[in-house]
Amino acid sequence: MPLVVATANVLHSLSRGDARRTVSAVLAESPDLVGLQEWYPWRASRRRLLREFGDYRWFAPWLGGCAIGVRAARFTIRSRRGVWLSPPGLADRSGRLLGLEPARRASVVGCEELTFVAYH
């Protein structure tokens, strides 16, 4: 059976309705694994939104901004964690607050057959 993977940048500035429509459009392709960038669950409009998509098991850590969805009928999640990729540092492009690049953190979900990593 082929593995279908989908990713989407669900802009942090989108309203709850627009974020829902974006996730719905991605899931309409029936992916087995989903990576969502700019998914900040501490935003009230996003906190419980992924529960509406019950065919997937979700990992949406508070830090890092990336959520991972795993099709429940295909995979069983064995582990979920966040991994630091880099500390904050000086930005190499203009426009960053105080000239700093934020720390980067990846979301990692391990299943019985594979490990899926999402980062932004």
PDB file of N, CA and C in Angstrom:
ATOM      1  N   MET A   1       0.849  -1.173   0.000  1.00  0.00           N
ATOM      2  CA  MET A   1       0.000   0.000   0.000  1.00  0.00           C
ATOM      3  C   MET A   1       0.902   1.246   0.000  1.00  0.00           C
ATOM      4  N   PRO A   2       0.723   2.168  -0.922  1.00  0.00           N
ATOM      5  CA  PRO A   2       1.585   3.361  -0.970  1.00  0.00           C
ATOM      6  C   PRO A   2       1.355   4.273   0.235  1.00  0.00           C
ATOM      7  N   LEU A   3       2.405   4.969   0.612  1.00  0.00           N
ATOM      8  CA  LEU A   3       2.350   5.921   1.713  1.00  0.00           C
ATOM      9  C   LEU A   3       2.076   7.307   1.131  1.00  0.00           C
ATOM     10  N   VAL A   4       1.061   7.981   1.644  1.00  0.00           N
ATOM     11  CA  VAL A   4       0.715   9.331   1.188  1.00  0.00           C
ATOM     12  C   VAL A   4       1.016  10.313   2.321  1.00  0.00           C
ATOM     13  N   VAL A   5       1.860  11.307   2.024  1.00  0.00           N
ATOM     14  CA  VAL A   5       2.266  12.307   2.996  1.00  0.00           C
ATOM     15  C   VAL A   5       1.867  13.681   2.470  1.00  0.00           C
ATOM     16  N   ALA A   6       1.336  14.518   3.339  1.00  0.00           N
ATOM     17  CA  ALA A   6       0.948  15.878   2.950  1.00  0.00           C
ATOM     18  C   ALA A   6       1.461  16.866   3.983  1.00  0.00           C
ATOM     19  N   THR A   7       1.861  18.035   3.512  1.00  0.00           N
ATOM     20  CA  THR A   7       2.257  19.117   4.409  1.00  0.00           C
ATOM     21  C   THR A   7       1.561  20.392   3.967  1.00  0.00           C
ATOM     22  N   ALA A   8       1.371  21.291   4.908  1.00  0.00           N
ATOM     23  CA  ALA A   8       0.754  22.578   4.587  1.00  0.00           C
ATOM     24  C   ALA A   8       1.209  23.611   5.605  1.00  0.00           C
ATOM     25  N   ASN A   9       1.405  24.809   5.140  1.00  0.00           N
ATOM     26  CA  ASN A   9       1.685  25.931   6.023  1.00  0.00           C
ATOM     27  C   ASN A   9       0.340  26.591   6.293  1.00  0.00           C
ATOM     28  N   VAL A  10      -0.163  26.401   7.501  1.00  0.00           N
ATOM     29  CA  VAL A  10      -1.442  26.972   7.898  1.00  0.00           C
ATOM     30  C   VAL A  10      -1.113  28.273   8.632  1.00  0.00           C
ATOM     31  N   LEU A  11      -0.979  29.326   7.885  1.00  0.00           N
ATOM     32  CA  LEU A  11      -0.490  30.597   8.412  1.00  0.00           C
ATOM     33  C   LEU A  11      -1.076  30.931   9.775  1.00  0.00           C
ATOM     34  N   HIS A  12      -0.219  31.361  10.684  1.00  0.00           N
ATOM     35  CA  HIS A  12      -0.669  31.689  12.043  1.00  0.00           C
ATOM     36  C   HIS A  12      -1.691  32.820  12.049  1.00  0.00           C
ATOM     37  N   SER A  13      -1.720  33.605  10.973  1.00  0.00           N
ATOM     38  CA  SER A  13      -2.650  34.736  10.906  1.00  0.00           C
ATOM     39  C   SER A  13      -4.049  34.347  10.424  1.00  0.00           C
ATOM     40  N   LEU A  14      -4.246  33.099  10.010  1.00  0.00           N
ATOM     41  CA  LEU A  14      -5.565  32.682   9.523  1.00  0.00           C
ATOM     42  C   LEU A  14      -6.576  32.610  10.670  1.00  0.00           C
ATOM     43  N   SER A  15      -7.798  32.934  10.349  1.00  0.00           N
ATOM     44  CA  SER A  15      -8.879  32.788  11.322  1.00  0.00           C
ATOM     45  C   SER A  15      -9.158  31.301  11.553  1.00  0.00           C
ATOM     46  N   ARG A  16      -9.941  31.005  12.566  1.00  0.00           N
ATOM     47  CA  ARG A  16     -10.303  29.605  12.852  1.00  0.00           C
ATOM     48  C   ARG A  16     -10.989  28.962  11.646  1.00  0.00           C
ATOM     49  N   GLY A  17     -11.909  29.675  11.026  1.00  0.00           N
ATOM     50  CA  GLY A  17     -12.616  29.132   9.862  1.00  0.00           C
ATOM     51  C   GLY A  17     -11.689  28.871   8.691  1.00  0.00           C
ATOM     52  N   ASP A  18     -10.782  29.803   8.425  1.00  0.00           N
ATOM     53  CA  ASP A  18      -9.832  29.613   7.328  1.00  0.00           C
ATOM     54  C   ASP A  18      -8.860  28.480   7.633  1.00  0.00           C
ATOM     55  N   ALA A  19      -8.428  28.367   8.881  1.00  0.00           N
ATOM     56  CA  ALA A  19      -7.541  27.261   9.264  1.00  0.00           C
ATOM     57  C   ALA A  19      -8.275  25.929   9.101  1.00  0.00           C
ATOM     58  N   ARG A  20      -9.532  25.858   9.503  1.00  0.00           N
ATOM     59  CA  ARG A  20     -10.331  24.640   9.349  1.00  0.00           C
ATOM     60  C   ARG A  20     -10.446  24.257   7.875  1.00  0.00           C
ATOM     61  N   ARG A  21     -10.737  25.238   7.023  1.00  0.00           N
ATOM     62  CA  ARG A  21     -10.860  24.961   5.590  1.00  0.00           C
ATOM     63  C   ARG A  21      -9.531  24.492   4.993  1.00  0.00           C
ATOM     64  N   THR A  22      -8.441  25.070   5.449  1.00  0.00           N
ATOM     65  CA  THR A  22      -7.126  24.664   4.954  1.00  0.00           C
ATOM     66  C   THR A  22      -6.821  23.222   5.332  1.00  0.00           C
ATOM     67  N   VAL A  23      -7.031  22.881   6.598  1.00  0.00           N
ATOM     68  CA  VAL A  23      -6.794  21.500   7.039  1.00  0.00           C
ATOM     69  C   VAL A  23      -7.738  20.549   6.315  1.00  0.00           C
ATOM     70  N   SER A  24      -8.986  20.926   6.138  1.00  0.00           N
ATOM     71  CA  SER A  24      -9.949  20.083   5.413  1.00  0.00           C
ATOM     72  C   SER A  24      -9.492  19.818   3.987  1.00  0.00           C
ATOM     73  N   ALA A  25      -8.951  20.839   3.331  1.00  0.00           N
ATOM     74  CA  ALA A  25      -8.473  20.676   1.952  1.00  0.00           C
ATOM     75  C   ALA A  25      -7.294  19.709   1.891  1.00  0.00           C
ATOM     76  N   VAL A  26      -6.410  19.787   2.865  1.00  0.00           N
ATOM     77  CA  VAL A  26      -5.269  18.863   2.910  1.00  0.00           C
ATOM     78  C   VAL A  26      -5.757  17.441   3.158  1.00  0.00           C
ATOM     79  N   LEU A  27      -6.653  17.278   4.106  1.00  0.00           N
ATOM     80  CA  LEU A  27      -7.136  15.940   4.459  1.00  0.00           C
ATOM     81  C   LEU A  27      -8.040  15.347   3.387  1.00  0.00           C
ATOM     82  N   ALA A  28      -8.572  16.171   2.503  1.00  0.00           N
ATOM     83  CA  ALA A  28      -9.399  15.672   1.400  1.00  0.00           C
ATOM     84  C   ALA A  28      -8.587  14.768   0.472  1.00  0.00           C
ATOM     85  N   GLU A  29      -7.270  14.902   0.510  1.00  0.00           N
ATOM     86  CA  GLU A  29      -6.391  14.057  -0.306  1.00  0.00           C
ATOM     87  C   GLU A  29      -6.104  12.712   0.359  1.00  0.00           C
ATOM     88  N   SER A  30      -6.669  12.482   1.531  1.00  0.00           N
ATOM     89  CA  SER A  30      -6.537  11.227   2.294  1.00  0.00           C
ATOM     90  C   SER A  30      -5.088  10.836   2.586  1.00  0.00           C
ATOM     91  N   PRO A  31      -4.291  11.755   3.100  1.00  0.00           N
ATOM     92  CA  PRO A  31      -2.904  11.386   3.429  1.00  0.00           C
ATOM     93  C   PRO A  31      -2.850  10.464   4.648  1.00  0.00           C
ATOM     94  N   ASP A  32      -1.789   9.684   4.712  1.00  0.00           N
ATOM     95  CA  ASP A  32      -1.555   8.837   5.878  1.00  0.00           C
ATOM     96  C   ASP A  32      -0.861   9.618   6.985  1.00  0.00           C
ATOM     97  N   LEU A  33       0.005  10.542   6.583  1.00  0.00           N
ATOM     98  CA  LEU A  33       0.742  11.402   7.511  1.00  0.00           C
ATOM     99  C   LEU A  33       0.573  12.847   7.073  1.00  0.00           C
ATOM    100  N   VAL A  34       0.425  13.743   8.054  1.00  0.00           N
ATOM    101  CA  VAL A  34       0.220  15.162   7.767  1.00  0.00           C
ATOM    102  C   VAL A  34       1.144  15.988   8.644  1.00  0.00           C
ATOM    103  N   GLY A  35       1.822  16.952   8.044  1.00  0.00           N
ATOM    104  CA  GLY A  35       2.615  17.912   8.790  1.00  0.00           C
ATOM    105  C   GLY A  35       2.032  19.300   8.576  1.00  0.00           C
ATOM    106  N   LEU A  36       1.695  19.990   9.654  1.00  0.00           N
ATOM    107  CA  LEU A  36       1.131  21.338   9.563  1.00  0.00           C
ATOM    108  C   LEU A  36       2.119  22.329  10.166  1.00  0.00           C
ATOM    109  N   GLN A  37       2.559  23.274   9.354  1.00  0.00           N
ATOM    110  CA  GLN A  37       3.462  24.319   9.829  1.00  0.00           C
ATOM    111  C   GLN A  37       2.657  25.510  10.329  1.00  0.00           C
ATOM    112  N   GLU A  38       3.257  26.277  11.207  1.00  0.00           N
ATOM    113  CA  GLU A  38       2.657  27.461  11.825  1.00  0.00           C
ATOM    114  C   GLU A  38       1.370  27.120  12.575  1.00  0.00           C
ATOM    115  N   TRP A  39       1.348  25.929  13.155  1.00  0.00           N
ATOM    116  CA  TRP A  39       0.192  25.511  13.946  1.00  0.00           C
ATOM    117  C   TRP A  39       0.529  25.746  15.409  1.00  0.00           C
ATOM    118  N   TYR A  40       0.061  26.823  15.945  1.00  0.00           N
ATOM    119  CA  TYR A  40       0.382  27.194  17.318  1.00  0.00           C
ATOM    120  C   TYR A  40      -0.825  26.910  18.202  1.00  0.00           C
ATOM    121  N   PRO A  41      -0.822  25.789  18.926  1.00  0.00           N
ATOM    122  CA  PRO A  41      -2.006  25.397  19.689  1.00  0.00           C
ATOM    123  C   PRO A  41      -2.337  26.327  20.843  1.00  0.00           C
ATOM    124  N   TRP A  42      -1.403  27.203  21.233  1.00  0.00           N
ATOM    125  CA  TRP A  42      -1.699  28.140  22.309  1.00  0.00           C
ATOM    126  C   TRP A  42      -2.607  29.259  21.828  1.00  0.00           C
ATOM    127  N   ARG A  43      -2.805  29.385  20.519  1.00  0.00           N
ATOM    128  CA  ARG A  43      -3.783  30.346  20.004  1.00  0.00           C
ATOM    129  C   ARG A  43      -5.176  29.768  20.236  1.00  0.00           C
ATOM    130  N   ALA A  44      -6.030  30.544  20.836  1.00  0.00           N
ATOM    131  CA  ALA A  44      -7.369  30.060  21.197  1.00  0.00           C
ATOM    132  C   ALA A  44      -8.115  29.503  19.988  1.00  0.00           C
ATOM    133  N   SER A  45      -7.928  30.102  18.811  1.00  0.00           N
ATOM    134  CA  SER A  45      -8.656  29.658  17.626  1.00  0.00           C
ATOM    135  C   SER A  45      -8.178  28.295  17.124  1.00  0.00           C
ATOM    136  N   ARG A  46      -7.024  27.835  17.577  1.00  0.00           N
ATOM    137  CA  ARG A  46      -6.480  26.570  17.092  1.00  0.00           C
ATOM    138  C   ARG A  46      -6.519  25.463  18.130  1.00  0.00           C
ATOM    139  N   ARG A  47      -6.725  25.815  19.377  1.00  0.00           N
ATOM    140  CA  ARG A  47      -6.527  24.879  20.481  1.00  0.00           C
ATOM    141  C   ARG A  47      -7.232  23.545  20.293  1.00  0.00           C
ATOM    142  N   ARG A  48      -8.498  23.557  19.941  1.00  0.00           N
ATOM    143  CA  ARG A  48      -9.270  22.317  19.847  1.00  0.00           C
ATOM    144  C   ARG A  48      -9.662  21.952  18.414  1.00  0.00           C
ATOM    145  N   LEU A  49      -9.189  22.683  17.465  1.00  0.00           N
ATOM    146  CA  LEU A  49      -9.630  22.506  16.076  1.00  0.00           C
ATOM    147  C   LEU A  49      -9.307  21.117  15.521  1.00  0.00           C
ATOM    148  N   LEU A  50      -8.147  20.579  15.830  1.00  0.00           N
ATOM    149  CA  LEU A  50      -7.757  19.291  15.257  1.00  0.00           C
ATOM    150  C   LEU A  50      -8.630  18.138  15.749  1.00  0.00           C
ATOM    151  N   ARG A  51      -9.304  18.310  16.876  1.00  0.00           N
ATOM    152  CA  ARG A  51     -10.209  17.260  17.371  1.00  0.00           C
ATOM    153  C   ARG A  51     -11.354  17.003  16.398  1.00  0.00           C
ATOM    154  N   GLU A  52     -11.647  17.978  15.549  1.00  0.00           N
ATOM    155  CA  GLU A  52     -12.726  17.813  14.569  1.00  0.00           C
ATOM    156  C   GLU A  52     -12.369  16.795  13.484  1.00  0.00           C
ATOM    157  N   PHE A  53     -11.093  16.454  13.388  1.00  0.00           N
ATOM    158  CA  PHE A  53     -10.634  15.537  12.355  1.00  0.00           C
ATOM    159  C   PHE A  53     -10.249  14.228  13.023  1.00  0.00           C
ATOM    160  N   GLY A  54     -11.272  13.465  13.418  1.00  0.00           N
ATOM    161  CA  GLY A  54     -11.108  12.285  14.254  1.00  0.00           C
ATOM    162  C   GLY A  54     -10.498  11.068  13.579  1.00  0.00           C
ATOM    163  N   ASP A  55     -10.330  11.082  12.259  1.00  0.00           N
ATOM    164  CA  ASP A  55      -9.685   9.954  11.588  1.00  0.00           C
ATOM    165  C   ASP A  55      -8.177   9.963  11.810  1.00  0.00           C
ATOM    166  N   TYR A  56      -7.693  11.042  12.421  1.00  0.00           N
ATOM    167  CA  TYR A  56      -6.258  11.215  12.649  1.00  0.00           C
ATOM    168  C   TYR A  56      -5.972  11.355  14.135  1.00  0.00           C
ATOM    169  N   ARG A  57      -4.805  10.900  14.533  1.00  0.00           N
ATOM    170  CA  ARG A  57      -4.293  11.153  15.876  1.00  0.00           C
ATOM    171  C   ARG A  57      -3.281  12.273  15.715  1.00  0.00           C
ATOM    172  N   TRP A  58      -3.390  13.294  16.558  1.00  0.00           N
ATOM    173  CA  TRP A  58      -2.601  14.509  16.389  1.00  0.00           C
ATOM    174  C   TRP A  58      -1.597  14.713  17.509  1.00  0.00           C
ATOM    175  N   PHE A  59      -0.461  15.257  17.150  1.00  0.00           N
ATOM    176  CA  PHE A  59       0.538  15.726  18.099  1.00  0.00           C
ATOM    177  C   PHE A  59       0.793  17.184  17.746  1.00  0.00           C
ATOM    178  N   ALA A  60       0.382  18.084  18.634  1.00  0.00           N
ATOM    179  CA  ALA A  60       0.537  19.525  18.414  1.00  0.00           C
ATOM    180  C   ALA A  60       1.219  20.117  19.641  1.00  0.00           C
ATOM    181  N   PRO A  61       2.549  20.042  19.693  1.00  0.00           N
ATOM    182  CA  PRO A  61       3.252  20.544  20.873  1.00  0.00           C
ATOM    183  C   PRO A  61       3.113  22.049  21.025  1.00  0.00           C
ATOM    184  N   TRP A  62       3.235  22.536  22.244  1.00  0.00           N
ATOM    185  CA  TRP A  62       3.087  23.962  22.526  1.00  0.00           C
ATOM    186  C   TRP A  62       4.233  24.771  21.945  1.00  0.00           C
ATOM    187  N   LEU A  63       5.401  24.172  21.789  1.00  0.00           N
ATOM    188  CA  LEU A  63       6.547  24.871  21.225  1.00  0.00           C
ATOM    189  C   LEU A  63       6.911  24.272  19.871  1.00  0.00           C
ATOM    190  N   GLY A  64       7.333  25.116  18.953  1.00  0.00           N
ATOM    191  CA  GLY A  64       7.810  24.636  17.661  1.00  0.00           C
ATOM    192  C   GLY A  64       6.903  24.974  16.497  1.00  0.00           C
ATOM    193  N   GLY A  65       5.600  25.027  16.727  1.00  0.00           N
ATOM    194  CA  GLY A  65       4.689  25.462  15.682  1.00  0.00           C
ATOM    195  C   GLY A  65       4.330  24.436  14.634  1.00  0.00           C
ATOM    196  N   CYS A  66       4.685  23.168  14.823  1.00  0.00           N
ATOM    197  CA  CYS A  66       4.346  22.148  13.824  1.00  0.00           C
ATOM    198  C   CYS A  66       3.527  21.028  14.464  1.00  0.00           C
ATOM    199  N   ALA A  67       2.418  20.731  13.829  1.00  0.00           N
ATOM    200  CA  ALA A  67       1.568  19.621  14.272  1.00  0.00           C
ATOM    201  C   ALA A  67       1.740  18.461  13.306  1.00  0.00           C
ATOM    202  N   ILE A  68       1.594  17.253  13.823  1.00  0.00           N
ATOM    203  CA  ILE A  68       1.671  16.048  12.997  1.00  0.00           C
ATOM    204  C   ILE A  68       0.388  15.257  13.194  1.00  0.00           C
ATOM    205  N   GLY A  69      -0.195  14.827  12.075  1.00  0.00           N
ATOM    206  CA  GLY A  69      -1.366  13.963  12.099  1.00  0.00           C
ATOM    207  C   GLY A  69      -1.025  12.611  11.510  1.00  0.00           C
ATOM    208  N   VAL A  70      -1.510  11.561  12.143  1.00  0.00           N
ATOM    209  CA  VAL A  70      -1.271  10.191  11.710  1.00  0.00           C
ATOM    210  C   VAL A  70      -2.625   9.524  11.519  1.00  0.00           C
ATOM    211  N   ARG A  71      -2.848   8.950  10.340  1.00  0.00           N
ATOM    212  CA  ARG A  71      -4.125   8.275  10.093  1.00  0.00           C
ATOM    213  C   ARG A  71      -4.267   7.113  11.071  1.00  0.00           C
ATOM    214  N   ALA A  72      -5.285   7.189  11.919  1.00  0.00           N
ATOM    215  CA  ALA A  72      -5.473   6.213  12.991  1.00  0.00           C
ATOM    216  C   ALA A  72      -5.692   4.799  12.469  1.00  0.00           C
ATOM    217  N   ALA A  73      -6.334   4.651  11.321  1.00  0.00           N
ATOM    218  CA  ALA A  73      -6.614   3.321  10.785  1.00  0.00           C
ATOM    219  C   ALA A  73      -5.367   2.649  10.206  1.00  0.00           C
ATOM    220  N   ARG A  74      -4.309   3.426   9.976  1.00  0.00           N
ATOM    221  CA  ARG A  74      -3.111   2.857   9.346  1.00  0.00           C
ATOM    222  C   ARG A  74      -1.932   2.691  10.303  1.00  0.00           C
ATOM    223  N   PHE A  75      -1.753   3.637  11.218  1.00  0.00           N
ATOM    224  CA  PHE A  75      -0.579   3.614  12.084  1.00  0.00           C
ATOM    225  C   PHE A  75      -0.973   3.777  13.550  1.00  0.00           C
ATOM    226  N   THR A  76      -0.157   3.211  14.397  1.00  0.00           N
ATOM    227  CA  THR A  76      -0.276   3.403  15.836  1.00  0.00           C
ATOM    228  C   THR A  76       0.915   4.231  16.280  1.00  0.00           C
ATOM    229  N   ILE A  77       0.653   5.301  16.990  1.00  0.00           N
ATOM    230  CA  ILE A  77       1.736   6.151  17.483  1.00  0.00           C
ATOM    231  C   ILE A  77       2.403   5.459  18.665  1.00  0.00           C
ATOM    232  N   ARG A  78       3.718   5.348  18.597  1.00  0.00           N
ATOM    233  CA  ARG A  78       4.510   4.746  19.672  1.00  0.00           C
ATOM    234  C   ARG A  78       5.204   5.811  20.517  1.00  0.00           C
ATOM    235  N   SER A  79       5.565   6.936  19.885  1.00  0.00           N
ATOM    236  CA  SER A  79       6.252   7.997  20.635  1.00  0.00           C
ATOM    237  C   SER A  79       5.965   9.348  19.986  1.00  0.00           C
ATOM    238  N   ARG A  80       6.001  10.389  20.818  1.00  0.00           N
ATOM    239  CA  ARG A  80       5.806  11.766  20.360  1.00  0.00           C
ATOM    240  C   ARG A  80       6.747  12.635  21.174  1.00  0.00           C
ATOM    241  N   ARG A  81       7.452  13.513  20.474  1.00  0.00           N
ATOM    242  CA  ARG A  81       8.365  14.394  21.198  1.00  0.00           C
ATOM    243  C   ARG A  81       8.733  15.594  20.341  1.00  0.00           C
ATOM    244  N   GLY A  82       9.240  16.592  21.007  1.00  0.00           N
ATOM    245  CA  GLY A  82       9.815  17.739  20.325  1.00  0.00           C
ATOM    246  C   GLY A  82      11.320  17.678  20.455  1.00  0.00           C
ATOM    247  N   VAL A  83      12.022  18.158  19.440  1.00  0.00           N
ATOM    248  CA  VAL A  83      13.484  18.128  19.424  1.00  0.00           C
ATOM    249  C   VAL A  83      13.984  19.518  19.054  1.00  0.00           C
ATOM    250  N   TRP A  84      14.902  20.058  19.854  1.00  0.00           N
ATOM    251  CA  TRP A  84      15.491  21.357  19.535  1.00  0.00           C
ATOM    252  C   TRP A  84      16.449  21.189  18.370  1.00  0.00           C
ATOM    253  N   LEU A  85      16.298  22.042  17.352  1.00  0.00           N
ATOM    254  CA  LEU A  85      17.189  22.027  16.195  1.00  0.00           C
ATOM    255  C   LEU A  85      18.259  23.109  16.283  1.00  0.00           C
ATOM    256  N   SER A  86      17.877  24.265  16.833  1.00  0.00           N
ATOM    257  CA  SER A  86      18.848  25.361  16.964  1.00  0.00           C
ATOM    258  C   SER A  86      18.368  26.339  18.025  1.00  0.00           C
ATOM    259  N   PRO A  87      19.311  26.997  18.677  1.00  0.00           N
ATOM    260  CA  PRO A  87      18.941  28.029  19.660  1.00  0.00           C
ATOM    261  C   PRO A  87      18.638  29.337  18.929  1.00  0.00           C
ATOM    262  N   PRO A  88      18.107  30.326  19.631  1.00  0.00           N
ATOM    263  CA  PRO A  88      17.929  31.630  18.988  1.00  0.00           C
ATOM    264  C   PRO A  88      19.298  32.193  18.619  1.00  0.00           C
ATOM    265  N   GLY A  89      19.321  33.020  17.593  1.00  0.00           N
ATOM    266  CA  GLY A  89      20.595  33.601  17.165  1.00  0.00           C
ATOM    267  C   GLY A  89      20.369  34.840  16.333  1.00  0.00           C
ATOM    268  N   LEU A  90      21.437  35.406  15.854  1.00  0.00           N
ATOM    269  CA  LEU A  90      21.348  36.589  15.015  1.00  0.00           C
ATOM    270  C   LEU A  90      20.748  36.217  13.667  1.00  0.00           C
ATOM    271  N   ALA A  91      19.813  37.034  13.209  1.00  0.00           N
ATOM    272  CA  ALA A  91      19.132  36.772  11.944  1.00  0.00           C
ATOM    273  C   ALA A  91      20.032  37.160  10.778  1.00  0.00           C
ATOM    274  N   ASP A  92      19.976  36.382   9.714  1.00  0.00           N
ATOM    275  CA  ASP A  92      20.744  36.706   8.522  1.00  0.00           C
ATOM    276  C   ASP A  92      19.908  37.465   7.486  1.00  0.00           C
ATOM    277  N   ARG A  93      18.700  37.831   7.865  1.00  0.00           N
ATOM    278  CA  ARG A  93      17.847  38.636   6.983  1.00  0.00           C
ATOM    279  C   ARG A  93      17.161  39.714   7.804  1.00  0.00           C
ATOM    280  N   SER A  94      16.804  40.766   7.154  1.00  0.00           N
ATOM    281  CA  SER A  94      16.173  41.881   7.856  1.00  0.00           C
ATOM    282  C   SER A  94      14.715  41.572   8.178  1.00  0.00           C
ATOM    283  N   GLY A  95      14.159  42.356   9.075  1.00  0.00           N
ATOM    284  CA  GLY A  95      12.748  42.212   9.392  1.00  0.00           C
ATOM    285  C   GLY A  95      12.457  41.383  10.621  1.00  0.00           C
ATOM    286  N   ARG A  96      13.445  40.734  11.190  1.00  0.00           N
ATOM    287  CA  ARG A  96      13.222  39.937  12.395  1.00  0.00           C
ATOM    288  C   ARG A  96      13.213  40.843  13.623  1.00  0.00           C
ATOM    289  N   LEU A  97      12.335  40.555  14.553  1.00  0.00           N
ATOM    290  CA  LEU A  97      12.227  41.318  15.790  1.00  0.00           C
ATOM    291  C   LEU A  97      13.579  41.327  16.494  1.00  0.00           C
ATOM    292  N   LEU A  98      14.087  42.484  16.795  1.00  0.00           N
ATOM    293  CA  LEU A  98      15.366  42.691  17.472  1.00  0.00           C
ATOM    294  C   LEU A  98      16.548  42.075  16.712  1.00  0.00           C
ATOM    295  N   GLY A  99      16.342  41.767  15.427  1.00  0.00           N
ATOM    296  CA  GLY A  99      17.418  41.176  14.635  1.00  0.00           C
ATOM    297  C   GLY A  99      17.752  39.747  15.019  1.00  0.00           C
ATOM    298  N   LEU A 100      16.792  39.063  15.656  1.00  0.00           N
ATOM    299  CA  LEU A 100      17.028  37.698  16.128  1.00  0.00           C
ATOM    300  C   LEU A 100      16.227  36.672  15.340  1.00  0.00           C
ATOM    301  N   GLU A 101      16.842  35.568  15.108  1.00  0.00           N
ATOM    302  CA  GLU A 101      16.180  34.406  14.519  1.00  0.00           C
ATOM    303  C   GLU A 101      15.671  33.560  15.680  1.00  0.00           C
ATOM    304  N   PRO A 102      14.396  33.099  15.637  1.00  0.00           N
ATOM    305  CA  PRO A 102      13.889  32.304  16.765  1.00  0.00           C
ATOM    306  C   PRO A 102      14.544  30.926  16.825  1.00  0.00           C
ATOM    307  N   ALA A 103      14.465  30.320  17.981  1.00  0.00           N
ATOM    308  CA  ALA A 103      14.913  28.936  18.119  1.00  0.00           C
ATOM    309  C   ALA A 103      14.041  28.053  17.226  1.00  0.00           C
ATOM    310  N   ARG A 104      14.594  26.974  16.740  1.00  0.00           N
ATOM    311  CA  ARG A 104      13.848  26.041  15.892  1.00  0.00           C
ATOM    312  C   ARG A 104      13.658  24.723  16.625  1.00  0.00           C
ATOM    313  N   ARG A 105      12.445  24.207  16.519  1.00  0.00           N
ATOM    314  CA  ARG A 105      12.096  22.959  17.189  1.00  0.00           C
ATOM    315  C   ARG A 105      11.298  22.097  16.220  1.00  0.00           C
ATOM    316  N   ALA A 106      11.623  20.833  16.163  1.00  0.00           N
ATOM    317  CA  ALA A 106      10.920  19.888  15.289  1.00  0.00           C
ATOM    318  C   ALA A 106       9.948  19.059  16.115  1.00  0.00           C
ATOM    319  N   SER A 107       8.869  18.649  15.477  1.00  0.00           N
ATOM    320  CA  SER A 107       7.936  17.691  16.065  1.00  0.00           C
ATOM    321  C   SER A 107       8.274  16.329  15.475  1.00  0.00           C
ATOM    322  N   VAL A 108       8.311  15.308  16.326  1.00  0.00           N
ATOM    323  CA  VAL A 108       8.696  13.963  15.892  1.00  0.00           C
ATOM    324  C   VAL A 108       7.661  12.972  16.413  1.00  0.00           C
ATOM    325  N   VAL A 109       7.121  12.161  15.517  1.00  0.00           N
ATOM    326  CA  VAL A 109       6.173  11.116  15.889  1.00  0.00           C
ATOM    327  C   VAL A 109       6.713   9.795  15.359  1.00  0.00           C
ATOM    328  N   GLY A 110       6.851   8.822  16.255  1.00  0.00           N
ATOM    329  CA  GLY A 110       7.303   7.494  15.866  1.00  0.00           C
ATOM    330  C   GLY A 110       6.140   6.522  15.846  1.00  0.00           C
ATOM    331  N   CYS A 111       6.064   5.763  14.789  1.00  0.00           N
ATOM    332  CA  CYS A 111       5.063   4.704  14.664  1.00  0.00           C
ATOM    333  C   CYS A 111       5.810   3.374  14.587  1.00  0.00           C
ATOM    334  N   GLU A 112       5.082   2.280  14.487  1.00  0.00           N
ATOM    335  CA  GLU A 112       5.742   0.984  14.482  1.00  0.00           C
ATOM    336  C   GLU A 112       6.664   0.799  13.282  1.00  0.00           C
ATOM    337  N   GLU A 113       6.376   1.430  12.150  1.00  0.00           N
ATOM    338  CA  GLU A 113       7.154   1.213  10.927  1.00  0.00           C
ATOM    339  C   GLU A 113       8.001   2.408  10.510  1.00  0.00           C
ATOM    340  N   LEU A 114       7.746   3.579  11.060  1.00  0.00           N
ATOM    341  CA  LEU A 114       8.436   4.771  10.580  1.00  0.00           C
ATOM    342  C   LEU A 114       8.429   5.867  11.620  1.00  0.00           C
ATOM    343  N   THR A 115       9.252   6.881  11.362  1.00  0.00           N
ATOM    344  CA  THR A 115       9.273   8.084  12.178  1.00  0.00           C
ATOM    345  C   THR A 115       9.062   9.267  11.255  1.00  0.00           C
ATOM    346  N   PHE A 116       8.183  10.187  11.646  1.00  0.00           N
ATOM    347  CA  PHE A 116       7.850  11.344  10.830  1.00  0.00           C
ATOM    348  C   PHE A 116       8.288  12.605  11.587  1.00  0.00           C
ATOM    349  N   VAL A 117       9.007  13.486  10.888  1.00  0.00           N
ATOM    350  CA  VAL A 117       9.530  14.709  11.462  1.00  0.00           C
ATOM    351  C   VAL A 117       8.955  15.883  10.699  1.00  0.00           C
ATOM    352  N   ALA A 118       8.474  16.906  11.424  1.00  0.00           N
ATOM    353  CA  ALA A 118       7.977  18.131  10.799  1.00  0.00           C
ATOM    354  C   ALA A 118       8.636  19.326  11.480  1.00  0.00           C
ATOM    355  N   TYR A 119       9.086  20.267  10.672  1.00  0.00           N
ATOM    356  CA  TYR A 119       9.647  21.507  11.225  1.00  0.00           C
ATOM    357  C   TYR A 119       9.452  22.629  10.226  1.00  0.00           C
ATOM    358  N   HIS A 120       9.567  23.838  10.720  1.00  0.00           N
ATOM    359  CA  HIS A 120       9.325  25.011   9.876  1.00  0.00           C
ATOM    360  C   HIS A 120      10.543  25.897   9.895  1.00  0.00           C
TER     361      HIS A 120
END
